[in-house]
Amino acid sequence: MFTLNDLFDIAIKMEENGRSVYLNALKQTHNSEIESLVQWMADEEKRHKSWFQEQKGRLSADSRDLDVMLPGVIKEMMGDNSLSLSELDFSKITTPVKMLQTFIMFENDTILFYQFLEAFVESESVKDGLHEIIAEETAHVDKISEMIQSFKAAGEL
């Protein structure tokens, strides 16, 4: 059985994982533009995690069984391999563009999950906050995409 609290726990874990990956990427890159972007994103993930933790503390004791409503893909995300980019091997990412493309995949997965989560949130103020986080995650994708385009324009693939 999964509850709304469980889904918020997953969101918290996603933000933790994202921050961890971005901080690890900081150690692996020597490009100041990427370092600045990745540090900003790590800080955003930390702030998002705090927001989800605060909201989770305010949730009513909603014990609705969401298991029946969860699509198979989300159930798989909740398994042992859930929401972790720990297997990401930065030594195999040979260019800044490939690293940034990896970040876009993670950010897009996060956005999709948060859009899914929204369907189960009843509080308008929590929905508003969730919309804000989705917009910020979308801004991450936009900034990463801009950086990819600048690398490509400079011939750095």
N, C-alpha and C. Protein backbone atom coordinates (compact mmCIF):
# COMPACT_ATOMS: atom_id res chain seq x y z
N MET A 1 0.84 -1.18 0.00
CA MET A 1 0.00 0.00 0.00
C MET A 1 0.89 1.25 0.00
N PHE A 2 0.57 2.19 -0.86
CA PHE A 2 1.30 3.45 -0.91
C PHE A 2 0.35 4.58 -0.56
N THR A 3 0.88 5.55 0.17
CA THR A 3 0.10 6.72 0.55
C THR A 3 0.74 7.95 -0.06
N LEU A 4 0.07 9.08 0.09
CA LEU A 4 0.62 10.34 -0.39
C LEU A 4 1.96 10.62 0.31
N ASN A 5 2.05 10.27 1.57
CA ASN A 5 3.33 10.42 2.29
C ASN A 5 4.43 9.64 1.60
N ASP A 6 4.12 8.44 1.13
CA ASP A 6 5.11 7.63 0.42
C ASP A 6 5.57 8.32 -0.85
N LEU A 7 4.62 8.91 -1.56
CA LEU A 7 4.99 9.62 -2.79
C LEU A 7 5.86 10.83 -2.49
N PHE A 8 5.59 11.51 -1.40
CA PHE A 8 6.44 12.63 -1.01
C PHE A 8 7.83 12.13 -0.59
N ASP A 9 7.89 10.96 0.04
CA ASP A 9 9.19 10.37 0.36
C ASP A 9 9.99 10.12 -0.92
N ILE A 10 9.31 9.68 -1.96
CA ILE A 10 9.98 9.44 -3.24
C ILE A 10 10.50 10.76 -3.80
N ALA A 11 9.69 11.80 -3.73
CA ALA A 11 10.12 13.12 -4.21
C ALA A 11 11.35 13.59 -3.43
N ILE A 12 11.35 13.38 -2.13
CA ILE A 12 12.51 13.76 -1.30
C ILE A 12 13.75 12.99 -1.75
N LYS A 13 13.57 11.70 -2.00
CA LYS A 13 14.68 10.86 -2.45
C LYS A 13 15.20 11.31 -3.81
N MET A 14 14.28 11.70 -4.70
CA MET A 14 14.69 12.19 -6.01
C MET A 14 15.56 13.43 -5.88
N GLU A 15 15.15 14.33 -5.01
CA GLU A 15 15.93 15.56 -4.80
C GLU A 15 17.29 15.24 -4.18
N GLU A 16 17.32 14.32 -3.22
CA GLU A 16 18.60 13.91 -2.62
C GLU A 16 19.52 13.31 -3.68
N ASN A 17 18.96 12.43 -4.50
CA ASN A 17 19.76 11.79 -5.55
C ASN A 17 20.28 12.81 -6.55
N GLY A 18 19.42 13.73 -6.94
CA GLY A 18 19.85 14.76 -7.88
C GLY A 18 20.99 15.59 -7.31
N ARG A 19 20.84 16.02 -6.08
CA ARG A 19 21.89 16.83 -5.44
C ARG A 19 23.20 16.04 -5.37
N SER A 20 23.10 14.78 -4.99
CA SER A 20 24.29 13.93 -4.90
C SER A 20 25.00 13.81 -6.25
N VAL A 21 24.22 13.59 -7.30
CA VAL A 21 24.80 13.47 -8.64
C VAL A 21 25.46 14.78 -9.05
N TYR A 22 24.79 15.89 -8.79
CA TYR A 22 25.36 17.17 -9.20
C TYR A 22 26.63 17.49 -8.41
N LEU A 23 26.64 17.17 -7.13
CA LEU A 23 27.86 17.41 -6.35
C LEU A 23 28.99 16.51 -6.82
N ASN A 24 28.68 15.28 -7.19
CA ASN A 24 29.69 14.38 -7.75
C ASN A 24 30.20 14.92 -9.08
N ALA A 25 29.30 15.45 -9.88
CA ALA A 25 29.70 16.02 -11.17
C ALA A 25 30.65 17.20 -10.98
N LEU A 26 30.45 17.96 -9.91
CA LEU A 26 31.34 19.09 -9.63
C LEU A 26 32.79 18.62 -9.48
N LYS A 27 32.96 17.45 -8.90
CA LYS A 27 34.30 16.90 -8.70
C LYS A 27 34.93 16.43 -10.01
N GLN A 28 34.06 16.13 -10.99
CA GLN A 28 34.53 15.51 -12.23
C GLN A 28 34.76 16.51 -13.35
N THR A 29 34.22 17.71 -13.24
CA THR A 29 34.33 18.66 -14.34
C THR A 29 35.32 19.76 -14.00
N HIS A 30 35.90 20.29 -15.06
CA HIS A 30 36.87 21.38 -14.88
C HIS A 30 36.49 22.56 -15.76
N ASN A 31 35.21 22.61 -16.12
CA ASN A 31 34.69 23.69 -16.93
C ASN A 31 33.94 24.63 -16.00
N SER A 32 34.37 25.88 -15.92
CA SER A 32 33.77 26.81 -14.95
C SER A 32 32.30 27.08 -15.24
N GLU A 33 31.91 27.09 -16.52
CA GLU A 33 30.49 27.29 -16.86
C GLU A 33 29.64 26.14 -16.32
N ILE A 34 30.12 24.92 -16.54
CA ILE A 34 29.38 23.75 -16.06
C ILE A 34 29.40 23.71 -14.54
N GLU A 35 30.53 24.04 -13.94
CA GLU A 35 30.61 24.04 -12.47
C GLU A 35 29.57 24.98 -11.87
N SER A 36 29.46 26.17 -12.45
CA SER A 36 28.50 27.15 -11.95
C SER A 36 27.07 26.64 -12.09
N LEU A 37 26.73 26.08 -13.25
CA LEU A 37 25.40 25.55 -13.49
C LEU A 37 25.09 24.40 -12.54
N VAL A 38 26.03 23.48 -12.39
CA VAL A 38 25.81 22.30 -11.57
C VAL A 38 25.69 22.68 -10.09
N GLN A 39 26.46 23.65 -9.64
CA GLN A 39 26.34 24.10 -8.25
C GLN A 39 24.96 24.71 -8.01
N TRP A 40 24.51 25.52 -8.95
CA TRP A 40 23.18 26.12 -8.85
C TRP A 40 22.12 25.03 -8.78
N MET A 41 22.24 24.02 -9.63
CA MET A 41 21.26 22.94 -9.64
C MET A 41 21.30 22.15 -8.34
N ALA A 42 22.48 21.90 -7.80
CA ALA A 42 22.60 21.19 -6.53
C ALA A 42 21.92 21.98 -5.41
N ASP A 43 22.10 23.29 -5.42
CA ASP A 43 21.46 24.14 -4.42
C ASP A 43 19.94 24.11 -4.57
N GLU A 44 19.46 24.11 -5.81
CA GLU A 44 18.02 24.03 -6.07
C GLU A 44 17.46 22.70 -5.55
N GLU A 45 18.17 21.61 -5.79
CA GLU A 45 17.71 20.29 -5.33
C GLU A 45 17.60 20.29 -3.80
N LYS A 46 18.55 20.90 -3.13
CA LYS A 46 18.51 20.97 -1.67
C LYS A 46 17.28 21.74 -1.20
N ARG A 47 17.01 22.85 -1.86
CA ARG A 47 15.86 23.67 -1.50
C ARG A 47 14.56 22.92 -1.78
N HIS A 48 14.50 22.20 -2.91
CA HIS A 48 13.31 21.42 -3.23
C HIS A 48 13.08 20.32 -2.20
N LYS A 49 14.15 19.66 -1.81
CA LYS A 49 14.03 18.60 -0.79
C LYS A 49 13.42 19.18 0.49
N SER A 50 13.91 20.34 0.90
CA SER A 50 13.38 20.97 2.12
C SER A 50 11.89 21.28 1.98
N TRP A 51 11.49 21.75 0.80
CA TRP A 51 10.07 22.05 0.58
C TRP A 51 9.24 20.79 0.71
N PHE A 52 9.67 19.70 0.08
CA PHE A 52 8.91 18.45 0.17
C PHE A 52 8.85 17.95 1.61
N GLN A 53 9.94 18.10 2.36
CA GLN A 53 9.92 17.68 3.75
C GLN A 53 8.92 18.50 4.56
N GLU A 54 8.90 19.81 4.32
CA GLU A 54 7.95 20.67 5.03
C GLU A 54 6.51 20.29 4.69
N GLN A 55 6.24 20.07 3.42
CA GLN A 55 4.89 19.72 2.99
C GLN A 55 4.47 18.37 3.56
N LYS A 56 5.40 17.44 3.56
CA LYS A 56 5.10 16.11 4.09
C LYS A 56 4.66 16.20 5.55
N GLY A 57 5.31 17.10 6.29
CA GLY A 57 4.94 17.29 7.69
C GLY A 57 3.56 17.88 7.86
N ARG A 58 3.05 18.54 6.82
CA ARG A 58 1.73 19.17 6.89
C ARG A 58 0.61 18.31 6.31
N LEU A 59 0.98 17.24 5.64
CA LEU A 59 -0.04 16.40 5.01
C LEU A 59 -0.96 15.80 6.07
N SER A 60 -2.21 15.71 5.72
CA SER A 60 -3.13 15.01 6.62
C SER A 60 -2.75 13.54 6.61
N ALA A 61 -3.17 12.85 7.59
CA ALA A 61 -2.87 11.42 7.67
C ALA A 61 -3.71 10.71 6.61
N ASP A 62 -3.33 10.92 5.38
CA ASP A 62 -4.06 10.35 4.25
C ASP A 62 -3.58 8.94 4.04
N SER A 63 -4.41 8.00 4.35
CA SER A 63 -3.99 6.61 4.23
C SER A 63 -4.65 5.92 3.04
N ARG A 64 -5.13 6.74 2.07
CA ARG A 64 -5.72 6.13 0.88
C ARG A 64 -4.71 5.17 0.26
N ASP A 65 -5.21 4.05 -0.16
CA ASP A 65 -4.37 3.07 -0.83
C ASP A 65 -4.22 3.50 -2.28
N LEU A 66 -3.04 3.98 -2.63
CA LEU A 66 -2.79 4.45 -3.98
C LEU A 66 -2.26 3.34 -4.87
N ASP A 67 -2.02 2.18 -4.31
CA ASP A 67 -1.40 1.09 -5.06
C ASP A 67 -2.17 0.77 -6.34
N VAL A 68 -3.46 0.76 -6.26
CA VAL A 68 -4.28 0.42 -7.42
C VAL A 68 -4.13 1.48 -8.50
N MET A 69 -3.90 2.72 -8.12
CA MET A 69 -3.84 3.82 -9.06
C MET A 69 -2.46 4.01 -9.68
N LEU A 70 -1.44 3.42 -9.10
CA LEU A 70 -0.09 3.67 -9.58
C LEU A 70 0.22 2.84 -10.82
N PRO A 71 0.64 3.51 -11.89
CA PRO A 71 1.03 2.75 -13.08
C PRO A 71 2.27 1.90 -12.81
N GLY A 72 2.44 0.88 -13.61
CA GLY A 72 3.57 -0.04 -13.44
C GLY A 72 4.91 0.65 -13.44
N VAL A 73 5.07 1.68 -14.23
CA VAL A 73 6.35 2.39 -14.29
C VAL A 73 6.70 3.00 -12.94
N ILE A 74 5.72 3.61 -12.30
CA ILE A 74 5.96 4.23 -11.00
C ILE A 74 6.24 3.15 -9.96
N LYS A 75 5.52 2.04 -10.03
CA LYS A 75 5.79 0.95 -9.09
C LYS A 75 7.24 0.48 -9.23
N GLU A 76 7.73 0.38 -10.46
CA GLU A 76 9.12 -0.02 -10.67
C GLU A 76 10.07 0.99 -10.06
N MET A 77 9.74 2.28 -10.18
CA MET A 77 10.59 3.32 -9.60
C MET A 77 10.71 3.15 -8.09
N MET A 78 9.71 2.56 -7.49
CA MET A 78 9.69 2.41 -6.04
C MET A 78 10.41 1.14 -5.59
N GLY A 79 10.92 0.36 -6.50
CA GLY A 79 11.61 -0.87 -6.15
C GLY A 79 13.01 -0.60 -5.62
N ASP A 80 13.80 -1.65 -5.52
CA ASP A 80 15.15 -1.54 -4.97
C ASP A 80 16.04 -0.59 -5.75
N ASN A 81 15.82 -0.46 -7.03
CA ASN A 81 16.66 0.40 -7.86
C ASN A 81 16.06 1.79 -8.03
N SER A 82 15.20 2.17 -7.13
CA SER A 82 14.40 3.37 -7.33
C SER A 82 15.21 4.65 -7.32
N LEU A 83 14.95 5.44 -8.32
CA LEU A 83 15.32 6.85 -8.35
C LEU A 83 16.78 7.12 -8.00
N SER A 84 17.65 6.28 -8.40
CA SER A 84 19.04 6.46 -8.05
C SER A 84 19.89 6.60 -9.30
N LEU A 85 20.73 7.60 -9.29
CA LEU A 85 21.70 7.76 -10.36
C LEU A 85 23.09 7.36 -9.87
N SER A 86 23.12 6.59 -8.79
CA SER A 86 24.41 6.22 -8.20
C SER A 86 25.24 5.38 -9.16
N GLU A 87 24.58 4.69 -10.09
CA GLU A 87 25.33 3.88 -11.04
C GLU A 87 25.92 4.72 -12.17
N LEU A 88 25.66 6.01 -12.18
CA LEU A 88 26.20 6.89 -13.20
C LEU A 88 27.72 6.93 -13.07
N ASP A 89 28.39 6.50 -14.12
CA ASP A 89 29.85 6.44 -14.13
C ASP A 89 30.37 7.63 -14.93
N PHE A 90 30.82 8.66 -14.21
CA PHE A 90 31.28 9.87 -14.88
C PHE A 90 32.51 9.63 -15.74
N SER A 91 33.26 8.58 -15.48
CA SER A 91 34.43 8.30 -16.31
C SER A 91 34.04 7.91 -17.73
N LYS A 92 32.80 7.45 -17.90
CA LYS A 92 32.32 7.07 -19.24
C LYS A 92 31.67 8.24 -19.97
N ILE A 93 31.49 9.33 -19.28
CA ILE A 93 30.94 10.54 -19.91
C ILE A 93 32.14 11.37 -20.35
N THR A 94 32.38 11.35 -21.64
CA THR A 94 33.64 11.89 -22.16
C THR A 94 33.57 13.34 -22.61
N THR A 95 32.37 13.90 -22.68
CA THR A 95 32.26 15.30 -23.11
C THR A 95 31.29 16.04 -22.22
N PRO A 96 31.44 17.36 -22.13
CA PRO A 96 30.48 18.15 -21.37
C PRO A 96 29.05 17.99 -21.89
N VAL A 97 28.89 17.89 -23.20
CA VAL A 97 27.55 17.75 -23.78
C VAL A 97 26.89 16.46 -23.30
N LYS A 98 27.64 15.36 -23.27
CA LYS A 98 27.07 14.09 -22.81
C LYS A 98 26.66 14.17 -21.34
N MET A 99 27.46 14.85 -20.54
CA MET A 99 27.12 15.01 -19.13
C MET A 99 25.83 15.81 -19.00
N LEU A 100 25.74 16.90 -19.76
CA LEU A 100 24.55 17.74 -19.69
C LEU A 100 23.31 17.01 -20.20
N GLN A 101 23.48 16.19 -21.23
CA GLN A 101 22.34 15.41 -21.73
C GLN A 101 21.85 14.41 -20.68
N THR A 102 22.77 13.87 -19.91
CA THR A 102 22.40 12.97 -18.81
C THR A 102 21.58 13.72 -17.77
N PHE A 103 21.99 14.95 -17.48
CA PHE A 103 21.24 15.75 -16.51
C PHE A 103 19.84 16.06 -17.01
N ILE A 104 19.70 16.31 -18.30
CA ILE A 104 18.38 16.59 -18.86
C ILE A 104 17.46 15.38 -18.68
N MET A 105 17.98 14.19 -18.90
CA MET A 105 17.15 12.99 -18.72
C MET A 105 16.65 12.90 -17.28
N PHE A 106 17.55 13.14 -16.33
CA PHE A 106 17.16 13.09 -14.92
C PHE A 106 16.12 14.16 -14.61
N GLU A 107 16.34 15.38 -15.06
CA GLU A 107 15.40 16.47 -14.79
C GLU A 107 14.03 16.18 -15.41
N ASN A 108 14.01 15.65 -16.63
CA ASN A 108 12.74 15.32 -17.27
C ASN A 108 12.00 14.23 -16.52
N ASP A 109 12.72 13.22 -16.02
CA ASP A 109 12.08 12.18 -15.20
C ASP A 109 11.47 12.79 -13.94
N THR A 110 12.18 13.72 -13.35
CA THR A 110 11.70 14.38 -12.14
C THR A 110 10.42 15.16 -12.44
N ILE A 111 10.42 15.90 -13.53
CA ILE A 111 9.23 16.66 -13.92
C ILE A 111 8.04 15.74 -14.12
N LEU A 112 8.25 14.64 -14.82
CA LEU A 112 7.15 13.69 -15.05
C LEU A 112 6.60 13.14 -13.74
N PHE A 113 7.48 12.81 -12.81
CA PHE A 113 7.01 12.29 -11.53
C PHE A 113 6.21 13.34 -10.78
N TYR A 114 6.68 14.58 -10.78
CA TYR A 114 5.98 15.63 -10.05
C TYR A 114 4.63 15.93 -10.69
N GLN A 115 4.53 15.85 -12.00
CA GLN A 115 3.24 16.02 -12.67
C GLN A 115 2.30 14.88 -12.27
N PHE A 116 2.84 13.67 -12.16
CA PHE A 116 2.06 12.53 -11.69
C PHE A 116 1.60 12.76 -10.24
N LEU A 117 2.52 13.20 -9.40
CA LEU A 117 2.24 13.44 -7.99
C LEU A 117 1.10 14.45 -7.81
N GLU A 118 1.08 15.44 -8.67
CA GLU A 118 0.07 16.49 -8.57
C GLU A 118 -1.36 15.94 -8.56
N ALA A 119 -1.58 14.85 -9.27
CA ALA A 119 -2.92 14.26 -9.35
C ALA A 119 -3.42 13.79 -7.98
N PHE A 120 -2.53 13.55 -7.05
CA PHE A 120 -2.92 13.02 -5.74
C PHE A 120 -2.94 14.08 -4.65
N VAL A 121 -2.52 15.29 -4.98
CA VAL A 121 -2.46 16.37 -4.00
C VAL A 121 -3.78 17.12 -4.03
N GLU A 122 -4.39 17.27 -2.87
CA GLU A 122 -5.68 17.96 -2.78
C GLU A 122 -5.52 19.42 -2.37
N SER A 123 -4.52 19.73 -1.59
CA SER A 123 -4.31 21.09 -1.11
C SER A 123 -3.87 22.01 -2.25
N GLU A 124 -4.61 23.11 -2.41
CA GLU A 124 -4.27 24.07 -3.47
C GLU A 124 -2.92 24.73 -3.21
N SER A 125 -2.59 25.00 -1.95
CA SER A 125 -1.30 25.64 -1.66
C SER A 125 -0.15 24.68 -1.95
N VAL A 126 -0.35 23.40 -1.68
CA VAL A 126 0.70 22.41 -2.00
C VAL A 126 0.81 22.27 -3.51
N LYS A 127 -0.33 22.27 -4.21
CA LYS A 127 -0.30 22.21 -5.67
C LYS A 127 0.44 23.41 -6.25
N ASP A 128 0.20 24.60 -5.67
CA ASP A 128 0.89 25.80 -6.14
C ASP A 128 2.40 25.65 -5.97
N GLY A 129 2.81 25.15 -4.81
CA GLY A 129 4.24 24.93 -4.57
C GLY A 129 4.82 23.89 -5.51
N LEU A 130 4.06 22.86 -5.77
CA LEU A 130 4.50 21.81 -6.69
C LEU A 130 4.63 22.38 -8.10
N HIS A 131 3.69 23.23 -8.51
CA HIS A 131 3.79 23.89 -9.82
C HIS A 131 5.06 24.73 -9.91
N GLU A 132 5.39 25.40 -8.82
CA GLU A 132 6.60 26.22 -8.79
C GLU A 132 7.84 25.35 -8.96
N ILE A 133 7.86 24.23 -8.28
CA ILE A 133 9.02 23.33 -8.39
C ILE A 133 9.10 22.75 -9.80
N ILE A 134 7.96 22.39 -10.38
CA ILE A 134 7.96 21.89 -11.76
C ILE A 134 8.51 22.96 -12.70
N ALA A 135 8.11 24.20 -12.48
CA ALA A 135 8.62 25.31 -13.31
C ALA A 135 10.13 25.47 -13.13
N GLU A 136 10.62 25.31 -11.90
CA GLU A 136 12.06 25.42 -11.65
C GLU A 136 12.82 24.27 -12.30
N GLU A 137 12.26 23.06 -12.21
CA GLU A 137 12.90 21.91 -12.86
C GLU A 137 12.92 22.12 -14.38
N THR A 138 11.84 22.68 -14.91
CA THR A 138 11.80 23.00 -16.34
C THR A 138 12.86 24.04 -16.68
N ALA A 139 13.06 25.01 -15.80
CA ALA A 139 14.11 26.02 -16.01
C ALA A 139 15.48 25.36 -16.02
N HIS A 140 15.68 24.32 -15.21
CA HIS A 140 16.94 23.58 -15.23
C HIS A 140 17.16 23.00 -16.62
N VAL A 141 16.13 22.35 -17.15
CA VAL A 141 16.23 21.74 -18.49
C VAL A 141 16.55 22.83 -19.52
N ASP A 142 15.89 23.97 -19.41
CA ASP A 142 16.13 25.05 -20.37
C ASP A 142 17.57 25.56 -20.29
N LYS A 143 18.06 25.75 -19.08
CA LYS A 143 19.44 26.24 -18.92
C LYS A 143 20.45 25.21 -19.43
N ILE A 144 20.20 23.94 -19.13
CA ILE A 144 21.09 22.89 -19.61
C ILE A 144 21.06 22.85 -21.13
N SER A 145 19.88 22.95 -21.71
CA SER A 145 19.74 22.93 -23.17
C SER A 145 20.48 24.10 -23.81
N GLU A 146 20.37 25.27 -23.20
CA GLU A 146 21.11 26.44 -23.70
C GLU A 146 22.61 26.19 -23.67
N MET A 147 23.08 25.59 -22.58
CA MET A 147 24.50 25.32 -22.47
C MET A 147 24.94 24.30 -23.52
N ILE A 148 24.13 23.29 -23.75
CA ILE A 148 24.45 22.30 -24.78
C ILE A 148 24.58 22.99 -26.13
N GLN A 149 23.64 23.87 -26.42
CA GLN A 149 23.68 24.58 -27.71
C GLN A 149 24.93 25.44 -27.83
N SER A 150 25.35 26.07 -26.73
CA SER A 150 26.56 26.89 -26.79
C SER A 150 27.80 26.03 -27.02
N PHE A 151 27.83 24.85 -26.41
CA PHE A 151 28.95 23.92 -26.64
C PHE A 151 28.97 23.45 -28.10
N LYS A 152 27.79 23.13 -28.61
CA LYS A 152 27.69 22.66 -29.99
C LYS A 152 28.10 23.78 -30.96
N ALA A 153 27.66 25.00 -30.67
CA ALA A 153 28.02 26.13 -31.53
C ALA A 153 29.54 26.37 -31.54
N ALA A 154 30.16 26.08 -30.41
CA ALA A 154 31.61 26.25 -30.30
C ALA A 154 32.36 25.03 -30.82
N GLY A 155 31.62 24.01 -31.28
CA GLY A 155 32.25 22.82 -31.82
C GLY A 155 32.73 21.83 -30.75
N GLU A 156 32.28 22.04 -29.52
CA GLU A 156 32.67 21.15 -28.41
C GLU A 156 31.53 20.16 -28.18
N LEU A 157 31.68 18.99 -28.74
CA LEU A 157 30.62 17.99 -28.60
C LEU A 157 31.03 17.01 -27.54
